[in-house]
Protein backbone atom coordinates (compact mmCIF):
# COMPACT_ATOMS: atom_id res chain seq x y z
CA MET A 1 -40.36 18.87 -79.35
CA SER A 2 -41.89 22.23 -78.48
CA ILE A 3 -45.63 22.15 -77.75
CA GLY A 4 -47.55 25.10 -76.34
CA HIS A 5 -49.61 24.14 -73.29
CA LEU A 6 -52.86 26.10 -73.15
CA GLU A 7 -55.60 26.44 -70.56
CA GLY A 8 -58.08 27.81 -73.09
CA LEU A 9 -58.41 28.73 -76.74
CA ALA A 10 -58.51 32.45 -75.97
CA ALA A 11 -54.72 32.40 -75.63
CA VAL A 12 -54.18 31.83 -79.38
CA ALA A 13 -57.53 32.50 -81.08
CA ASP A 14 -56.51 35.88 -82.44
CA ARG A 15 -53.67 34.30 -84.40
CA TYR A 16 -56.02 32.40 -86.73
CA ALA A 17 -58.86 33.16 -89.13
CA LEU A 18 -60.07 29.62 -89.83
CA PHE A 19 -60.71 26.81 -87.35
CA LEU A 20 -61.18 23.18 -88.42
CA ILE A 21 -62.80 21.52 -85.42
CA ASP A 22 -63.42 17.83 -84.80
CA GLN A 23 -66.75 16.66 -83.36
CA TRP A 24 -66.51 13.49 -81.29
CA GLY A 25 -64.03 13.85 -78.43
CA VAL A 26 -63.87 17.62 -78.78
CA LEU A 27 -67.43 18.99 -78.85
CA HIS A 28 -69.32 15.97 -77.53
CA ASN A 29 -69.02 12.32 -76.48
CA GLY A 30 -71.52 10.92 -78.95
CA GLU A 31 -74.49 11.55 -76.70
CA SER A 32 -74.04 14.87 -74.90
CA LEU A 33 -72.07 18.09 -75.20
CA HIS A 34 -68.80 18.67 -73.43
CA GLU A 35 -68.94 21.53 -70.97
CA GLY A 36 -68.02 24.84 -72.55
CA ALA A 37 -68.04 23.58 -76.15
CA VAL A 38 -70.89 25.72 -77.46
CA GLU A 39 -69.70 28.76 -75.54
CA THR A 40 -66.27 28.41 -77.14
CA LEU A 41 -67.73 28.14 -80.63
CA ARG A 42 -69.80 31.26 -80.00
CA GLU A 43 -66.75 33.16 -78.74
CA LEU A 44 -64.98 32.37 -82.01
CA ARG A 45 -68.02 33.39 -84.06
CA ALA A 46 -68.34 36.65 -82.12
CA ARG A 47 -64.78 37.49 -83.16
CA GLY A 48 -65.51 36.89 -86.83
CA LYS A 49 -63.61 33.62 -87.05
CA LYS A 50 -64.58 31.05 -89.68
CA ILE A 51 -65.42 27.57 -88.37
CA VAL A 52 -65.58 24.30 -90.27
CA ILE A 53 -66.71 21.26 -88.30
CA LEU A 54 -64.51 18.53 -89.79
CA SER A 55 -65.59 15.02 -88.83
CA ASN A 56 -64.59 11.49 -89.73
CA SER A 57 -68.21 10.45 -89.25
CA SER A 58 -69.51 8.04 -91.88
CA LYS A 59 -72.85 9.86 -91.64
CA ARG A 60 -74.06 12.10 -94.40
CA LEU A 61 -73.90 15.84 -93.87
CA SER A 62 -77.62 16.28 -93.18
CA VAL A 63 -77.57 13.54 -90.54
CA SER A 64 -74.49 14.96 -88.79
CA THR A 65 -75.81 18.51 -88.65
CA ARG A 66 -79.18 17.30 -87.36
CA ARG A 67 -77.54 15.25 -84.62
CA MET A 68 -75.38 18.20 -83.60
CA ALA A 69 -78.44 20.42 -83.43
CA GLU A 70 -80.21 17.86 -81.24
CA MET A 71 -77.27 18.01 -78.81
CA GLY A 72 -77.32 21.81 -78.76
CA ILE A 73 -74.80 22.73 -81.47
CA ALA A 74 -77.02 24.93 -83.61
CA ALA A 75 -76.23 25.82 -87.20
CA ASP A 76 -75.23 29.36 -86.20
CA CYS A 77 -72.35 27.95 -84.11
CA TYR A 78 -70.30 27.23 -87.23
CA ASP A 79 -70.01 28.15 -90.91
CA HIS A 80 -69.67 24.75 -92.59
CA CYS A 81 -69.60 21.06 -91.79
CA VAL A 82 -67.60 18.44 -93.69
CA THR A 83 -67.93 14.69 -93.01
CA SER A 84 -66.06 11.77 -94.49
CA GLY A 85 -69.39 10.01 -95.05
CA GLU A 86 -70.67 12.87 -97.22
CA GLU A 87 -67.39 12.85 -99.15
CA VAL A 88 -67.83 9.13 -99.87
CA TRP A 89 -71.43 9.63 -100.98
CA GLN A 90 -70.43 12.41 -103.34
CA ALA A 91 -67.59 10.34 -104.82
CA LEU A 92 -69.88 7.34 -105.34
CA ASN A 93 -72.52 9.56 -106.90
CA ALA A 94 -70.14 11.37 -109.27
CA ARG A 95 -67.92 8.37 -110.16
CA ASP A 96 -65.51 10.69 -111.92
CA GLU A 97 -62.35 9.62 -110.07
CA PRO A 98 -60.24 6.63 -111.16
CA PHE A 99 -60.95 4.55 -108.05
CA TYR A 100 -64.71 5.04 -108.41
CA ARG A 101 -65.17 5.19 -112.17
CA ASP A 102 -65.18 1.45 -112.82
CA LEU A 103 -66.87 0.26 -109.62
CA GLY A 104 -69.87 -1.97 -110.10
CA ARG A 105 -73.18 -1.47 -108.30
CA LYS A 106 -73.15 -4.48 -105.97
CA CYS A 107 -71.55 -4.05 -102.58
CA VAL A 108 -71.11 -5.71 -99.22
CA ILE A 109 -71.62 -3.01 -96.60
CA PHE A 110 -69.99 -2.95 -93.17
CA THR A 111 -72.14 -0.63 -91.11
CA TRP A 112 -73.25 0.43 -87.67
CA ASP A 113 -75.83 -2.31 -87.23
CA ASP A 114 -78.75 -1.42 -89.57
CA ASP A 115 -77.67 2.08 -90.62
CA ARG A 116 -77.63 2.16 -94.43
CA ASP A 117 -78.34 5.85 -95.06
CA ILE A 118 -75.06 6.24 -96.91
CA MET A 119 -76.43 4.00 -99.70
CA GLN A 120 -79.51 6.12 -100.29
CA ASP A 121 -80.10 7.33 -103.89
CA LEU A 122 -76.86 5.82 -105.21
CA GLY A 123 -78.40 2.94 -107.16
CA LEU A 124 -76.42 0.37 -105.20
CA THR A 125 -77.49 -3.19 -104.50
CA GLU A 126 -76.46 -4.72 -101.20
CA VAL A 127 -75.29 -8.32 -101.36
CA LYS A 128 -74.47 -10.60 -98.45
CA ASN A 129 -71.65 -12.64 -99.97
CA ILE A 130 -68.20 -11.41 -100.97
CA ALA A 131 -68.39 -13.68 -104.02
CA ASP A 132 -71.29 -11.60 -105.36
CA ALA A 133 -69.84 -8.15 -104.60
CA ASP A 134 -68.09 -5.58 -106.76
CA PHE A 135 -66.69 -3.70 -103.76
CA ILE A 136 -66.90 -3.27 -99.98
CA LEU A 137 -68.49 -0.13 -98.54
CA ASN A 138 -66.89 0.14 -95.10
CA ALA A 139 -69.07 2.58 -93.16
CA GLY A 140 -69.24 1.10 -89.65
CA THR A 141 -68.72 -1.84 -87.34
CA ARG A 142 -71.32 -3.93 -85.58
CA THR A 143 -72.00 -3.05 -81.95
CA GLY A 144 -69.94 -5.21 -79.64
CA THR A 145 -67.14 -5.91 -82.11
CA ALA A 146 -64.10 -6.63 -79.94
CA ASP A 147 -61.49 -7.40 -82.60
CA MET A 148 -61.10 -8.22 -86.27
CA SER A 149 -61.89 -11.93 -85.94
CA ASP A 150 -65.52 -11.23 -86.93
CA TYR A 151 -64.43 -9.54 -90.13
CA ASP A 152 -61.35 -11.53 -91.12
CA PRO A 153 -63.22 -14.21 -93.12
CA TYR A 154 -64.79 -11.48 -95.27
CA LEU A 155 -61.53 -9.55 -95.60
CA VAL A 156 -59.43 -12.57 -96.53
CA GLU A 157 -61.90 -13.64 -99.22
CA ALA A 158 -62.23 -10.08 -100.54
CA ALA A 159 -58.46 -9.60 -100.71
CA ALA A 160 -58.14 -12.84 -102.67
CA ARG A 161 -60.64 -11.41 -105.18
CA ASP A 162 -58.90 -8.00 -105.20
CA LEU A 163 -62.13 -6.25 -104.29
CA PRO A 164 -61.76 -2.50 -103.72
CA MET A 165 -62.84 -1.14 -100.33
CA ILE A 166 -64.16 2.35 -99.63
CA CYS A 167 -63.60 3.52 -96.05
CA ALA A 168 -66.15 6.14 -95.00
CA ASN A 169 -64.64 6.67 -91.54
CA PRO A 170 -60.84 6.43 -91.20
CA ASP A 171 -60.91 6.55 -87.38
CA PHE A 172 -59.43 3.52 -85.63
CA VAL A 173 -61.46 3.82 -82.42
CA SER A 174 -63.95 6.14 -80.74
CA VAL A 175 -64.47 6.75 -77.05
CA ALA A 176 -67.96 5.87 -75.82
CA PRO A 177 -69.69 8.00 -73.16
CA ASP A 178 -68.73 5.42 -70.50
CA GLY A 179 -65.05 5.72 -71.45
CA SER A 180 -64.81 2.42 -73.32
CA PHE A 181 -63.38 2.18 -76.82
CA SER A 182 -65.35 1.13 -79.90
CA ILE A 183 -63.66 -0.19 -83.03
CA CYS A 184 -64.20 2.08 -86.05
CA PRO A 185 -63.97 1.40 -89.81
CA GLY A 186 -60.38 2.63 -90.02
CA THR A 187 -59.30 -0.44 -88.08
CA THR A 188 -61.06 -2.74 -90.53
CA ALA A 189 -59.54 -0.88 -93.46
CA ARG A 190 -56.06 -1.08 -91.92
CA ARG A 191 -56.46 -4.83 -91.54
CA TYR A 192 -57.57 -5.09 -95.18
CA LEU A 193 -54.43 -3.27 -96.29
CA GLU A 194 -52.35 -5.73 -94.27
CA LEU A 195 -54.00 -8.54 -96.24
CA GLY A 196 -53.10 -6.86 -99.52
CA GLY A 197 -56.43 -5.18 -100.19
CA ARG A 198 -57.02 -1.84 -101.91
CA VAL A 199 -58.64 0.97 -99.92
CA ASP A 200 -59.80 4.48 -100.76
CA TYR A 201 -60.15 6.69 -97.68
CA ARG A 202 -62.22 9.83 -97.31
CA GLY A 203 -61.58 12.03 -94.29
CA LYS A 204 -58.72 12.87 -91.95
CA PRO A 205 -55.73 12.66 -92.25
CA TYR A 206 -55.99 12.61 -96.06
CA ALA A 207 -55.54 15.69 -98.23
CA PRO A 208 -58.86 15.81 -100.16
CA VAL A 209 -60.97 16.53 -97.07
CA TYR A 210 -58.74 19.48 -96.14
CA GLN A 211 -58.97 20.79 -99.69
CA ARG A 212 -62.76 20.68 -99.28
CA CYS A 213 -62.54 22.70 -96.07
CA PHE A 214 -60.24 25.31 -97.60
CA ALA A 215 -62.51 25.61 -100.64
CA HIS A 216 -65.35 26.63 -98.32
CA GLU A 217 -63.29 29.56 -96.98
CA PRO A 218 -60.57 30.28 -99.56
CA ASP A 219 -59.66 33.66 -98.06
CA ALA A 220 -59.51 32.63 -94.40
CA ARG A 221 -55.92 32.05 -93.30
CA PRO A 222 -54.03 31.08 -91.25
CA ALA A 223 -55.88 27.98 -90.09
CA LEU A 224 -55.84 25.93 -86.89
CA ALA A 225 -57.04 22.32 -86.72
CA ILE A 226 -58.44 21.12 -83.39
CA GLY A 227 -58.94 17.43 -82.54
CA ASP A 228 -58.20 14.62 -80.11
CA SER A 229 -56.52 12.05 -82.38
CA LEU A 230 -52.80 12.43 -83.00
CA TYR A 231 -52.92 10.19 -86.07
CA HIS A 232 -56.01 11.68 -87.71
CA ASP A 233 -56.46 15.25 -86.48
CA ILE A 234 -52.89 16.27 -85.75
CA GLY A 235 -51.40 14.14 -88.52
CA GLY A 236 -53.87 15.57 -91.02
CA ALA A 237 -53.03 19.12 -89.99
CA ASN A 238 -49.32 18.40 -90.28
CA ARG A 239 -49.83 17.00 -93.78
CA ALA A 240 -51.89 20.05 -94.73
CA GLY A 241 -49.20 22.41 -93.43
CA ILE A 242 -51.35 24.11 -90.80
CA ASP A 243 -51.07 24.48 -87.03
CA SER A 244 -52.91 22.09 -84.71
CA LEU A 245 -54.32 21.91 -81.20
CA MET A 246 -54.65 18.53 -79.49
CA ILE A 247 -57.49 18.03 -77.01
CA ALA A 248 -55.81 15.72 -74.52
CA GLY A 249 -58.94 14.46 -72.79
CA GLY A 250 -60.18 12.49 -75.80
CA ILE A 251 -58.80 9.32 -77.39
CA HIS A 252 -55.41 9.65 -75.70
CA GLY A 253 -56.78 10.60 -72.28
CA ARG A 254 -55.94 7.23 -70.70
CA ASP A 255 -52.38 7.23 -72.03
CA LEU A 256 -51.90 10.74 -70.72
CA GLY A 257 -53.35 9.85 -67.32
CA LEU A 258 -55.82 12.67 -67.66
CA GLY A 259 -58.75 12.62 -65.28
CA ASP A 260 -61.41 15.27 -64.86
CA GLY A 261 -59.01 18.15 -64.94
CA GLY A 262 -55.47 19.19 -64.27
CA PRO A 263 -52.63 19.99 -66.65
CA VAL A 264 -51.20 17.69 -69.30
CA ASP A 265 -48.02 15.92 -68.17
CA PRO A 266 -45.26 16.90 -70.67
CA ASP A 267 -43.38 13.61 -70.29
CA LYS A 268 -46.45 11.48 -70.93
CA LEU A 269 -47.36 13.69 -73.88
CA ARG A 270 -43.87 13.28 -75.34
CA ILE A 271 -44.13 9.49 -75.13
CA VAL A 272 -47.53 9.41 -76.84
CA CYS A 273 -46.43 11.81 -79.57
CA GLU A 274 -43.29 9.79 -80.27
CA ARG A 275 -45.36 6.60 -80.46
CA GLU A 276 -47.81 8.14 -82.94
CA GLY A 277 -45.15 10.03 -84.87
CA GLN A 278 -47.07 13.32 -84.72
CA THR A 279 -46.58 16.53 -82.78
CA PRO A 280 -49.25 19.22 -82.29
CA SER A 281 -48.56 22.95 -82.13
CA TYR A 282 -50.53 23.17 -78.88
CA VAL A 283 -52.26 20.98 -76.34
CA MET A 284 -54.98 21.62 -73.77
CA PRO A 285 -57.04 19.26 -71.60
CA ARG A 286 -60.46 20.06 -73.08
CA PHE A 287 -62.08 22.35 -75.62
CA CYS A 288 -62.82 25.57 -73.77
CA TRP A 289 -62.38 29.30 -74.09
């Protein structure tokens, strides 16, 4: 396993024309920017590099770009933004794919508390009971969810009815600003698959979201994907056949024993990569120039 250990992106930036960059864990922690993130984006832009912010957020594109702007990531810091939530909305709106074509209009929604923006203008009716639903729209988890016990009764009943599930955020967990982990919709979807349910995913590590990114910049190659999740960011890049850079201080920071600085321990990195079954092209502690 040969992984290049970098101190900053400047060491390899000139090798690539297109950068697919994750949000949470790379650019910010959900509330505030990581030090050096905007400066690094601007360095890439100054060199004529193309940047696509590629996020597994279940938020629609307009919401994600507005939130980034509020944190200081202005629209001129990148060329495009792609979110799994927007991809779900577009698929539900078009209904021209086999999984979506025959869906009804009644859904049970799993969401971040009261956030139902993803349902806007789709002509959907929210129902409370699985027995009344045509499908599950899995776009979030309730604050404070510690495990799947809260959702299992719904998932077991839905699997028995063979209800399709749409997962608008394939991430398993996210890291909160205080360092704690929050369960994400990908964990619920994974549990549903274990119960025999059917799931359509939008976002990393699945091919359609990379095809969307490449369509935005068809002439920009080679590409480098940057993210903190081995399964989603690095695994997605490996599937897409492009190089990848793992930001070690994100989701895997605890496993790597990474504090507020210092190099990445190669032995700990090897163990984590073997566990996840994915290997990045490069690794560096945080997103910086």
